[in-house]
Structure formats: structure tokens, C-alpha cells
Amino acid sequence: MRLSMLDILACPIDKHYPLELIQIDTHEDTTVKELIIKEGVLFCSECSRFYPIIEEIPVMLPDDLRDKEKDIQFLQKWEQKIPDKITKKAKPWHL
């Protein structure tokens, strides 16, 4: 996900903007001099939902379309780099 995308993303549940970005793994695209988030989390402070960024793609689905197992695996993989407000309290599920 290009860092500039953060300016256009809102929570799909409550439309809250802006979302908080937690960067886990990044690199710079030298052709356009922009930061690329390879792995990370988008967090809605309004409804406490998190949306993983996996292989540069923000996965921003409503709760009923999310894959709980994949979300839990993501949280477990990056638990040391993700704040407790996400790993222990976020919706729709947490560790």
C-alpha cells in the first residue's frame, strides 16, 4: 500500500477518517520516492476495528466477510510489533 493511499481510506463500518497506520514492514519506491507499506495495520479509533495490510494490500472488509483464522494468524505473527489496543482489544476479534 502506498503511504499516499492513507489520505483516501476510511473505515468501511463507520466511515471514520483518518485511520491510524501501524507500519510493520516498509520499503521506498525509488521511482516515485514514496513509502510502500508491505505489512501493517490500519486501525479505526472510532469503532476499534483493525484492518491488516498483507503483501501491500489493505484488507478492508466488513466483519461478516472477514476470515477470522487469517486475521488471528496475522495478529499472532506480528504481535510484538502491533499495539495492545489491537492485539488485545480490537474488533471484530483479538488475541
PDB file of N, CA and C in Angstrom:
ATOM      1  N   MET A   1       0.847  -1.169   0.000  1.00  0.00           N
ATOM      2  CA  MET A   1       0.000   0.000   0.000  1.00  0.00           C
ATOM      3  C   MET A   1       0.895   1.234   0.000  1.00  0.00           C
ATOM      4  N   ARG A   2       0.642   2.110  -0.886  1.00  0.00           N
ATOM      5  CA  ARG A   2       1.383   3.371  -0.907  1.00  0.00           C
ATOM      6  C   ARG A   2       0.909   4.246   0.261  1.00  0.00           C
ATOM      7  N   LEU A   3       1.843   4.912   0.888  1.00  0.00           N
ATOM      8  CA  LEU A   3       1.508   5.764   2.022  1.00  0.00           C
ATOM      9  C   LEU A   3       0.464   6.818   1.639  1.00  0.00           C
ATOM     10  N   SER A   4       0.504   7.295   0.428  1.00  0.00           N
ATOM     11  CA  SER A   4      -0.449   8.318  -0.017  1.00  0.00           C
ATOM     12  C   SER A   4      -1.899   7.813  -0.019  1.00  0.00           C
ATOM     13  N   MET A   5      -2.093   6.499  -0.059  1.00  0.00           N
ATOM     14  CA  MET A   5      -3.460   5.942  -0.020  1.00  0.00           C
ATOM     15  C   MET A   5      -4.160   6.239   1.305  1.00  0.00           C
ATOM     16  N   LEU A   6      -3.378   6.459   2.348  1.00  0.00           N
ATOM     17  CA  LEU A   6      -3.952   6.734   3.657  1.00  0.00           C
ATOM     18  C   LEU A   6      -4.889   7.946   3.607  1.00  0.00           C
ATOM     19  N   ASP A   7      -4.629   8.859   2.684  1.00  0.00           N
ATOM     20  CA  ASP A   7      -5.453  10.063   2.552  1.00  0.00           C
ATOM     21  C   ASP A   7      -6.860   9.790   2.027  1.00  0.00           C
ATOM     22  N   ILE A   8      -7.082   8.614   1.425  1.00  0.00           N
ATOM     23  CA  ILE A   8      -8.400   8.337   0.840  1.00  0.00           C
ATOM     24  C   ILE A   8      -9.133   7.183   1.514  1.00  0.00           C
ATOM     25  N   LEU A   9      -8.501   6.529   2.488  1.00  0.00           N
ATOM     26  CA  LEU A   9      -9.121   5.369   3.128  1.00  0.00           C
ATOM     27  C   LEU A   9      -9.907   5.770   4.372  1.00  0.00           C
ATOM     28  N   ALA A  10     -11.086   5.179   4.503  1.00  0.00           N
ATOM     29  CA  ALA A  10     -11.938   5.380   5.676  1.00  0.00           C
ATOM     30  C   ALA A  10     -12.434   4.007   6.129  1.00  0.00           C
ATOM     31  N   CYS A  11     -12.841   3.923   7.367  1.00  0.00           N
ATOM     32  CA  CYS A  11     -13.357   2.668   7.904  1.00  0.00           C
ATOM     33  C   CYS A  11     -14.621   2.266   7.140  1.00  0.00           C
ATOM     34  N   PRO A  12     -14.690   1.031   6.637  1.00  0.00           N
ATOM     35  CA  PRO A  12     -15.884   0.609   5.902  1.00  0.00           C
ATOM     36  C   PRO A  12     -17.112   0.425   6.795  1.00  0.00           C
ATOM     37  N   ILE A  13     -16.926   0.341   8.098  1.00  0.00           N
ATOM     38  CA  ILE A  13     -18.051   0.156   9.009  1.00  0.00           C
ATOM     39  C   ILE A  13     -18.705   1.480   9.388  1.00  0.00           C
ATOM     40  N   ASP A  14     -17.891   2.429   9.879  1.00  0.00           N
ATOM     41  CA  ASP A  14     -18.475   3.696  10.359  1.00  0.00           C
ATOM     42  C   ASP A  14     -18.021   4.923   9.567  1.00  0.00           C
ATOM     43  N   LYS A  15     -17.236   4.700   8.528  1.00  0.00           N
ATOM     44  CA  LYS A  15     -16.752   5.764   7.627  1.00  0.00           C
ATOM     45  C   LYS A  15     -15.818   6.750   8.317  1.00  0.00           C
ATOM     46  N   HIS A  16     -15.270   6.370   9.476  1.00  0.00           N
ATOM     47  CA  HIS A  16     -14.347   7.251  10.198  1.00  0.00           C
ATOM     48  C   HIS A  16     -13.085   7.489   9.379  1.00  0.00           C
ATOM     49  N   TYR A  17     -12.621   8.716   9.424  1.00  0.00           N
ATOM     50  CA  TYR A  17     -11.416   9.141   8.723  1.00  0.00           C
ATOM     51  C   TYR A  17     -10.705  10.149   9.606  1.00  0.00           C
ATOM     52  N   PRO A  18      -9.416  10.143   9.717  1.00  0.00           N
ATOM     53  CA  PRO A  18      -8.455   9.235   9.110  1.00  0.00           C
ATOM     54  C   PRO A  18      -8.251   7.988   9.963  1.00  0.00           C
ATOM     55  N   LEU A  19      -7.735   6.953   9.327  1.00  0.00           N
ATOM     56  CA  LEU A  19      -7.383   5.730  10.034  1.00  0.00           C
ATOM     57  C   LEU A  19      -5.940   5.844  10.524  1.00  0.00           C
ATOM     58  N   GLU A  20      -5.667   5.189  11.634  1.00  0.00           N
ATOM     59  CA  GLU A  20      -4.307   5.164  12.170  1.00  0.00           C
ATOM     60  C   GLU A  20      -3.527   4.061  11.463  1.00  0.00           C
ATOM     61  N   LEU A  21      -2.299   4.353  11.094  1.00  0.00           N
ATOM     62  CA  LEU A  21      -1.448   3.391  10.403  1.00  0.00           C
ATOM     63  C   LEU A  21      -0.354   2.905  11.337  1.00  0.00           C
ATOM     64  N   ILE A  22      -0.227   1.590  11.457  1.00  0.00           N
ATOM     65  CA  ILE A  22       0.880   0.972  12.178  1.00  0.00           C
ATOM     66  C   ILE A  22       1.728   0.276  11.121  1.00  0.00           C
ATOM     67  N   GLN A  23       2.940   0.771  10.920  1.00  0.00           N
ATOM     68  CA  GLN A  23       3.833   0.214   9.908  1.00  0.00           C
ATOM     69  C   GLN A  23       4.650  -0.922  10.516  1.00  0.00           C
ATOM     70  N   ILE A  24       4.669  -2.055   9.835  1.00  0.00           N
ATOM     71  CA  ILE A  24       5.454  -3.200  10.298  1.00  0.00           C
ATOM     72  C   ILE A  24       6.647  -3.430   9.381  1.00  0.00           C
ATOM     73  N   ASP A  25       6.400  -3.506   8.088  1.00  0.00           N
ATOM     74  CA  ASP A  25       7.462  -3.739   7.115  1.00  0.00           C
ATOM     75  C   ASP A  25       7.243  -2.784   5.949  1.00  0.00           C
ATOM     76  N   THR A  26       8.253  -1.990   5.642  1.00  0.00           N
ATOM     77  CA  THR A  26       8.114  -0.978   4.588  1.00  0.00           C
ATOM     78  C   THR A  26       9.343  -0.980   3.680  1.00  0.00           C
ATOM     79  N   HIS A  27       9.190  -0.341   2.541  1.00  0.00           N
ATOM     80  CA  HIS A  27      10.325  -0.044   1.658  1.00  0.00           C
ATOM     81  C   HIS A  27       9.952   1.184   0.849  1.00  0.00           C
ATOM     82  N   GLU A  28      10.950   1.806   0.248  1.00  0.00           N
ATOM     83  CA  GLU A  28      10.688   3.007  -0.538  1.00  0.00           C
ATOM     84  C   GLU A  28      10.723   2.679  -2.023  1.00  0.00           C
ATOM     85  N   ASP A  29       9.691   3.160  -2.722  1.00  0.00           N
ATOM     86  CA  ASP A  29       9.655   3.049  -4.176  1.00  0.00           C
ATOM     87  C   ASP A  29      10.484   4.213  -4.710  1.00  0.00           C
ATOM     88  N   THR A  30      11.673   3.919  -5.168  1.00  0.00           N
ATOM     89  CA  THR A  30      12.586   4.989  -5.582  1.00  0.00           C
ATOM     90  C   THR A  30      12.160   5.674  -6.879  1.00  0.00           C
ATOM     91  N   THR A  31      11.318   5.021  -7.666  1.00  0.00           N
ATOM     92  CA  THR A  31      10.886   5.658  -8.917  1.00  0.00           C
ATOM     93  C   THR A  31       9.971   6.848  -8.654  1.00  0.00           C
ATOM     94  N   VAL A  32       9.169   6.773  -7.598  1.00  0.00           N
ATOM     95  CA  VAL A  32       8.276   7.887  -7.263  1.00  0.00           C
ATOM     96  C   VAL A  32       8.573   8.463  -5.880  1.00  0.00           C
ATOM     97  N   LYS A  33       9.612   7.949  -5.243  1.00  0.00           N
ATOM     98  CA  LYS A  33      10.040   8.413  -3.918  1.00  0.00           C
ATOM     99  C   LYS A  33       8.885   8.426  -2.924  1.00  0.00           C
ATOM    100  N   GLU A  34       8.243   7.256  -2.810  1.00  0.00           N
ATOM    101  CA  GLU A  34       7.111   7.116  -1.889  1.00  0.00           C
ATOM    102  C   GLU A  34       7.285   5.854  -1.054  1.00  0.00           C
ATOM    103  N   LEU A  35       6.887   5.948   0.201  1.00  0.00           N
ATOM    104  CA  LEU A  35       6.972   4.813   1.105  1.00  0.00           C
ATOM    105  C   LEU A  35       5.876   3.803   0.773  1.00  0.00           C
ATOM    106  N   ILE A  36       6.259   2.536   0.717  1.00  0.00           N
ATOM    107  CA  ILE A  36       5.336   1.436   0.468  1.00  0.00           C
ATOM    108  C   ILE A  36       5.243   0.613   1.745  1.00  0.00           C
ATOM    109  N   ILE A  37       4.026   0.375   2.213  1.00  0.00           N
ATOM    110  CA  ILE A  37       3.812  -0.457   3.392  1.00  0.00           C
ATOM    111  C   ILE A  37       3.553  -1.868   2.896  1.00  0.00           C
ATOM    112  N   LYS A  38       4.497  -2.767   3.181  1.00  0.00           N
ATOM    113  CA  LYS A  38       4.356  -4.162   2.768  1.00  0.00           C
ATOM    114  C   LYS A  38       3.478  -4.926   3.753  1.00  0.00           C
ATOM    115  N   GLU A  39       3.693  -4.676   5.033  1.00  0.00           N
ATOM    116  CA  GLU A  39       2.903  -5.303   6.101  1.00  0.00           C
ATOM    117  C   GLU A  39       2.593  -4.212   7.113  1.00  0.00           C
ATOM    118  N   GLY A  40       1.371  -4.216   7.619  1.00  0.00           N
ATOM    119  CA  GLY A  40       0.983  -3.216   8.603  1.00  0.00           C
ATOM    120  C   GLY A  40      -0.462  -3.397   9.014  1.00  0.00           C
ATOM    121  N   VAL A  41      -0.961  -2.397   9.729  1.00  0.00           N
ATOM    122  CA  VAL A  41      -2.332  -2.437  10.218  1.00  0.00           C
ATOM    123  C   VAL A  41      -2.932  -1.043  10.096  1.00  0.00           C
ATOM    124  N   LEU A  42      -4.176  -1.007   9.647  1.00  0.00           N
ATOM    125  CA  LEU A  42      -4.978   0.215   9.707  1.00  0.00           C
ATOM    126  C   LEU A  42      -5.938   0.037  10.871  1.00  0.00           C
ATOM    127  N   PHE A  43      -6.074   1.076  11.692  1.00  0.00           N
ATOM    128  CA  PHE A  43      -6.898   0.988  12.899  1.00  0.00           C
ATOM    129  C   PHE A  43      -7.872   2.146  12.938  1.00  0.00           C
ATOM    130  N   CYS A  44      -9.142   1.823  13.189  1.00  0.00           N
ATOM    131  CA  CYS A  44     -10.181   2.840  13.332  1.00  0.00           C
ATOM    132  C   CYS A  44     -10.362   3.140  14.814  1.00  0.00           C
ATOM    133  N   SER A  45     -10.006   4.326  15.231  1.00  0.00           N
ATOM    134  CA  SER A  45     -10.117   4.694  16.646  1.00  0.00           C
ATOM    135  C   SER A  45     -11.569   4.893  17.073  1.00  0.00           C
ATOM    136  N   GLU A  46     -12.463   5.041  16.124  1.00  0.00           N
ATOM    137  CA  GLU A  46     -13.888   5.248  16.429  1.00  0.00           C
ATOM    138  C   GLU A  46     -14.574   3.950  16.839  1.00  0.00           C
ATOM    139  N   CYS A  47     -14.374   2.874  16.055  1.00  0.00           N
ATOM    140  CA  CYS A  47     -15.056   1.609  16.340  1.00  0.00           C
ATOM    141  C   CYS A  47     -14.107   0.507  16.813  1.00  0.00           C
ATOM    142  N   SER A  48     -12.824   0.815  16.900  1.00  0.00           N
ATOM    143  CA  SER A  48     -11.778  -0.113  17.371  1.00  0.00           C
ATOM    144  C   SER A  48     -11.581  -1.324  16.470  1.00  0.00           C
ATOM    145  N   ARG A  49     -11.871  -1.182  15.188  1.00  0.00           N
ATOM    146  CA  ARG A  49     -11.621  -2.278  14.256  1.00  0.00           C
ATOM    147  C   ARG A  49     -10.244  -2.112  13.631  1.00  0.00           C
ATOM    148  N   PHE A  50      -9.631  -3.259  13.323  1.00  0.00           N
ATOM    149  CA  PHE A  50      -8.344  -3.236  12.644  1.00  0.00           C
ATOM    150  C   PHE A  50      -8.493  -3.881  11.269  1.00  0.00           C
ATOM    151  N   TYR A  51      -7.642  -3.441  10.378  1.00  0.00           N
ATOM    152  CA  TYR A  51      -7.611  -3.968   9.015  1.00  0.00           C
ATOM    153  C   TYR A  51      -6.157  -4.244   8.652  1.00  0.00           C
ATOM    154  N   PRO A  52      -5.810  -5.508   8.425  1.00  0.00           N
ATOM    155  CA  PRO A  52      -4.414  -5.834   8.120  1.00  0.00           C
ATOM    156  C   PRO A  52      -4.008  -5.378   6.724  1.00  0.00           C
ATOM    157  N   ILE A  53      -2.745  -5.040   6.603  1.00  0.00           N
ATOM    158  CA  ILE A  53      -2.141  -4.790   5.294  1.00  0.00           C
ATOM    159  C   ILE A  53      -1.220  -5.978   5.057  1.00  0.00           C
ATOM    160  N   ILE A  54      -1.532  -6.774   4.046  1.00  0.00           N
ATOM    161  CA  ILE A  54      -0.805  -8.010   3.775  1.00  0.00           C
ATOM    162  C   ILE A  54      -0.270  -7.960   2.345  1.00  0.00           C
ATOM    163  N   GLU A  55       1.035  -8.100   2.203  1.00  0.00           N
ATOM    164  CA  GLU A  55       1.672  -8.064   0.883  1.00  0.00           C
ATOM    165  C   GLU A  55       1.242  -6.819   0.104  1.00  0.00           C
ATOM    166  N   GLU A  56       1.267  -5.683   0.796  1.00  0.00           N
ATOM    167  CA  GLU A  56       0.974  -4.352   0.246  1.00  0.00           C
ATOM    168  C   GLU A  56      -0.511  -4.083   0.005  1.00  0.00           C
ATOM    169  N   ILE A  57      -1.391  -5.000   0.384  1.00  0.00           N
ATOM    170  CA  ILE A  57      -2.822  -4.829   0.117  1.00  0.00           C
ATOM    171  C   ILE A  57      -3.591  -4.633   1.428  1.00  0.00           C
ATOM    172  N   PRO A  58      -4.274  -3.492   1.582  1.00  0.00           N
ATOM    173  CA  PRO A  58      -5.110  -3.319   2.771  1.00  0.00           C
ATOM    174  C   PRO A  58      -6.382  -4.166   2.633  1.00  0.00           C
ATOM    175  N   VAL A  59      -6.620  -5.020   3.612  1.00  0.00           N
ATOM    176  CA  VAL A  59      -7.784  -5.910   3.590  1.00  0.00           C
ATOM    177  C   VAL A  59      -8.872  -5.255   4.440  1.00  0.00           C
ATOM    178  N   MET A  60      -9.753  -4.508   3.785  1.00  0.00           N
ATOM    179  CA  MET A  60     -10.756  -3.697   4.480  1.00  0.00           C
ATOM    180  C   MET A  60     -12.160  -4.222   4.193  1.00  0.00           C
ATOM    181  N   LEU A  61     -12.469  -5.350   4.798  1.00  0.00           N
ATOM    182  CA  LEU A  61     -13.759  -5.998   4.583  1.00  0.00           C
ATOM    183  C   LEU A  61     -14.654  -5.827   5.800  1.00  0.00           C
ATOM    184  N   PRO A  62     -15.979  -5.830   5.599  1.00  0.00           N
ATOM    185  CA  PRO A  62     -16.889  -5.836   6.742  1.00  0.00           C
ATOM    186  C   PRO A  62     -16.733  -7.136   7.527  1.00  0.00           C
ATOM    187  N   ASP A  63     -17.134  -7.111   8.780  1.00  0.00           N
ATOM    188  CA  ASP A  63     -16.929  -8.247   9.688  1.00  0.00           C
ATOM    189  C   ASP A  63     -17.399  -9.583   9.114  1.00  0.00           C
ATOM    190  N   ASP A  64     -18.570  -9.606   8.498  1.00  0.00           N
ATOM    191  CA  ASP A  64     -19.134 -10.878   8.030  1.00  0.00           C
ATOM    192  C   ASP A  64     -18.382 -11.472   6.834  1.00  0.00           C
ATOM    193  N   LEU A  65     -17.510 -10.704   6.196  1.00  0.00           N
ATOM    194  CA  LEU A  65     -16.734 -11.215   5.065  1.00  0.00           C
ATOM    195  C   LEU A  65     -15.272 -11.491   5.427  1.00  0.00           C
ATOM    196  N   ARG A  66     -14.912 -11.223   6.660  1.00  0.00           N
ATOM    197  CA  ARG A  66     -13.525 -11.419   7.093  1.00  0.00           C
ATOM    198  C   ARG A  66     -13.263 -12.880   7.430  1.00  0.00           C
ATOM    199  N   ASP A  67     -12.003 -13.274   7.269  1.00  0.00           N
ATOM    200  CA  ASP A  67     -11.564 -14.625   7.595  1.00  0.00           C
ATOM    201  C   ASP A  67     -10.912 -14.580   8.977  1.00  0.00           C
ATOM    202  N   LYS A  68     -11.637 -15.030   9.989  1.00  0.00           N
ATOM    203  CA  LYS A  68     -11.160 -14.945  11.365  1.00  0.00           C
ATOM    204  C   LYS A  68      -9.816 -15.638  11.538  1.00  0.00           C
ATOM    205  N   GLU A  69      -9.677 -16.816  10.972  1.00  0.00           N
ATOM    206  CA  GLU A  69      -8.437 -17.581  11.120  1.00  0.00           C
ATOM    207  C   GLU A  69      -7.234 -16.814  10.562  1.00  0.00           C
ATOM    208  N   LYS A  70      -7.384 -16.215   9.394  1.00  0.00           N
ATOM    209  CA  LYS A  70      -6.288 -15.448   8.790  1.00  0.00           C
ATOM    210  C   LYS A  70      -5.968 -14.202   9.609  1.00  0.00           C
ATOM    211  N   ASP A  71      -6.999 -13.526  10.103  1.00  0.00           N
ATOM    212  CA  ASP A  71      -6.778 -12.336  10.940  1.00  0.00           C
ATOM    213  C   ASP A  71      -6.041 -12.702  12.227  1.00  0.00           C
ATOM    214  N   ILE A  72      -6.417 -13.796  12.867  1.00  0.00           N
ATOM    215  CA  ILE A  72      -5.763 -14.236  14.103  1.00  0.00           C
ATOM    216  C   ILE A  72      -4.310 -14.625  13.814  1.00  0.00           C
ATOM    217  N   GLN A  73      -4.073 -15.327  12.708  1.00  0.00           N
ATOM    218  CA  GLN A  73      -2.700 -15.690  12.339  1.00  0.00           C
ATOM    219  C   GLN A  73      -1.849 -14.445  12.117  1.00  0.00           C
ATOM    220  N   PHE A  74      -2.424 -13.438  11.467  1.00  0.00           N
ATOM    221  CA  PHE A  74      -1.720 -12.181  11.237  1.00  0.00           C
ATOM    222  C   PHE A  74      -1.358 -11.533  12.569  1.00  0.00           C
ATOM    223  N   LEU A  75      -2.322 -11.456  13.487  1.00  0.00           N
ATOM    224  CA  LEU A  75      -2.064 -10.857  14.801  1.00  0.00           C
ATOM    225  C   LEU A  75      -0.987 -11.626  15.564  1.00  0.00           C
ATOM    226  N   GLN A  76      -1.024 -12.942  15.493  1.00  0.00           N
ATOM    227  CA  GLN A  76      -0.019 -13.752  16.183  1.00  0.00           C
ATOM    228  C   GLN A  76       1.369 -13.536  15.581  1.00  0.00           C
ATOM    229  N   LYS A  77       1.431 -13.482  14.270  1.00  0.00           N
ATOM    230  CA  LYS A  77       2.713 -13.298  13.589  1.00  0.00           C
ATOM    231  C   LYS A  77       3.376 -11.983  13.982  1.00  0.00           C
ATOM    232  N   TRP A  78       2.595 -10.919  14.081  1.00  0.00           N
ATOM    233  CA  TRP A  78       3.135  -9.587  14.318  1.00  0.00           C
ATOM    234  C   TRP A  78       2.836  -9.055  15.729  1.00  0.00           C
ATOM    235  N   GLU A  79       2.482  -9.916  16.638  1.00  0.00           N
ATOM    236  CA  GLU A  79       2.067  -9.498  17.984  1.00  0.00           C
ATOM    237  C   GLU A  79       3.060  -8.545  18.656  1.00  0.00           C
ATOM    238  N   GLN A  80       4.342  -8.776  18.470  1.00  0.00           N
ATOM    239  CA  GLN A  80       5.361  -7.937  19.119  1.00  0.00           C
ATOM    240  C   GLN A  80       5.445  -6.537  18.515  1.00  0.00           C
ATOM    241  N   LYS A  81       4.923  -6.354  17.310  1.00  0.00           N
ATOM    242  CA  LYS A  81       5.030  -5.057  16.629  1.00  0.00           C
ATOM    243  C   LYS A  81       3.708  -4.300  16.554  1.00  0.00           C
ATOM    244  N   ILE A  82       2.638  -4.911  17.040  1.00  0.00           N
ATOM    245  CA  ILE A  82       1.314  -4.295  16.993  1.00  0.00           C
ATOM    246  C   ILE A  82       0.919  -3.887  18.408  1.00  0.00           C
ATOM    247  N   PRO A  83       0.377  -2.678  18.596  1.00  0.00           N
ATOM    248  CA  PRO A  83      -0.008  -2.227  19.936  1.00  0.00           C
ATOM    249  C   PRO A  83      -1.085  -3.108  20.574  1.00  0.00           C
ATOM    250  N   ASP A  84      -1.077  -3.139  21.908  1.00  0.00           N
ATOM    251  CA  ASP A  84      -2.054  -3.927  22.669  1.00  0.00           C
ATOM    252  C   ASP A  84      -3.502  -3.540  22.363  1.00  0.00           C
ATOM    253  N   LYS A  85      -3.737  -2.279  22.033  1.00  0.00           N
ATOM    254  CA  LYS A  85      -5.120  -1.864  21.740  1.00  0.00           C
ATOM    255  C   LYS A  85      -5.684  -2.641  20.557  1.00  0.00           C
ATOM    256  N   ILE A  86      -4.793  -3.200  19.729  1.00  0.00           N
ATOM    257  CA  ILE A  86      -5.233  -4.018  18.599  1.00  0.00           C
ATOM    258  C   ILE A  86      -5.182  -5.499  18.956  1.00  0.00           C
ATOM    259  N   THR A  87      -4.048  -5.959  19.462  1.00  0.00           N
ATOM    260  CA  THR A  87      -3.910  -7.393  19.728  1.00  0.00           C
ATOM    261  C   THR A  87      -4.807  -7.885  20.860  1.00  0.00           C
ATOM    262  N   LYS A  88      -5.130  -7.005  21.808  1.00  0.00           N
ATOM    263  CA  LYS A  88      -5.900  -7.452  22.973  1.00  0.00           C
ATOM    264  C   LYS A  88      -7.332  -6.914  23.052  1.00  0.00           C
ATOM    265  N   LYS A  89      -7.664  -5.877  22.247  1.00  0.00           N
ATOM    266  CA  LYS A  89      -8.982  -5.252  22.402  1.00  0.00           C
ATOM    267  C   LYS A  89      -9.738  -4.975  21.101  1.00  0.00           C
ATOM    268  N   ALA A  90      -9.082  -5.100  19.968  1.00  0.00           N
ATOM    269  CA  ALA A  90      -9.702  -4.684  18.708  1.00  0.00           C
ATOM    270  C   ALA A  90     -10.861  -5.577  18.299  1.00  0.00           C
ATOM    271  N   LYS A  91     -11.676  -5.045  17.425  1.00  0.00           N
ATOM    272  CA  LYS A  91     -12.805  -5.774  16.846  1.00  0.00           C
ATOM    273  C   LYS A  91     -12.439  -6.156  15.424  1.00  0.00           C
ATOM    274  N   PRO A  92     -12.998  -7.119  14.807  1.00  0.00           N
ATOM    275  CA  PRO A  92     -14.048  -7.969  15.307  1.00  0.00           C
ATOM    276  C   PRO A  92     -13.540  -9.080  16.240  1.00  0.00           C
ATOM    277  N   TRP A  93     -12.219  -9.291  16.292  1.00  0.00           N
ATOM    278  CA  TRP A  93     -11.641 -10.268  17.218  1.00  0.00           C
ATOM    279  C   TRP A  93     -10.232  -9.836  17.555  1.00  0.00           C
ATOM    280  N   HIS A  94      -9.669 -10.501  18.550  1.00  0.00           N
ATOM    281  CA  HIS A  94      -8.323 -10.180  19.003  1.00  0.00           C
ATOM    282  C   HIS A  94      -7.730 -11.431  19.666  1.00  0.00           C
ATOM    283  N   LEU A  95      -6.502 -11.330  20.093  1.00  0.00           N
ATOM    284  CA  LEU A  95      -5.833 -12.483  20.726  1.00  0.00           C
ATOM    285  C   LEU A  95      -6.300 -12.671  22.155  1.00  0.00           C
TER     286      LEU A  95
END
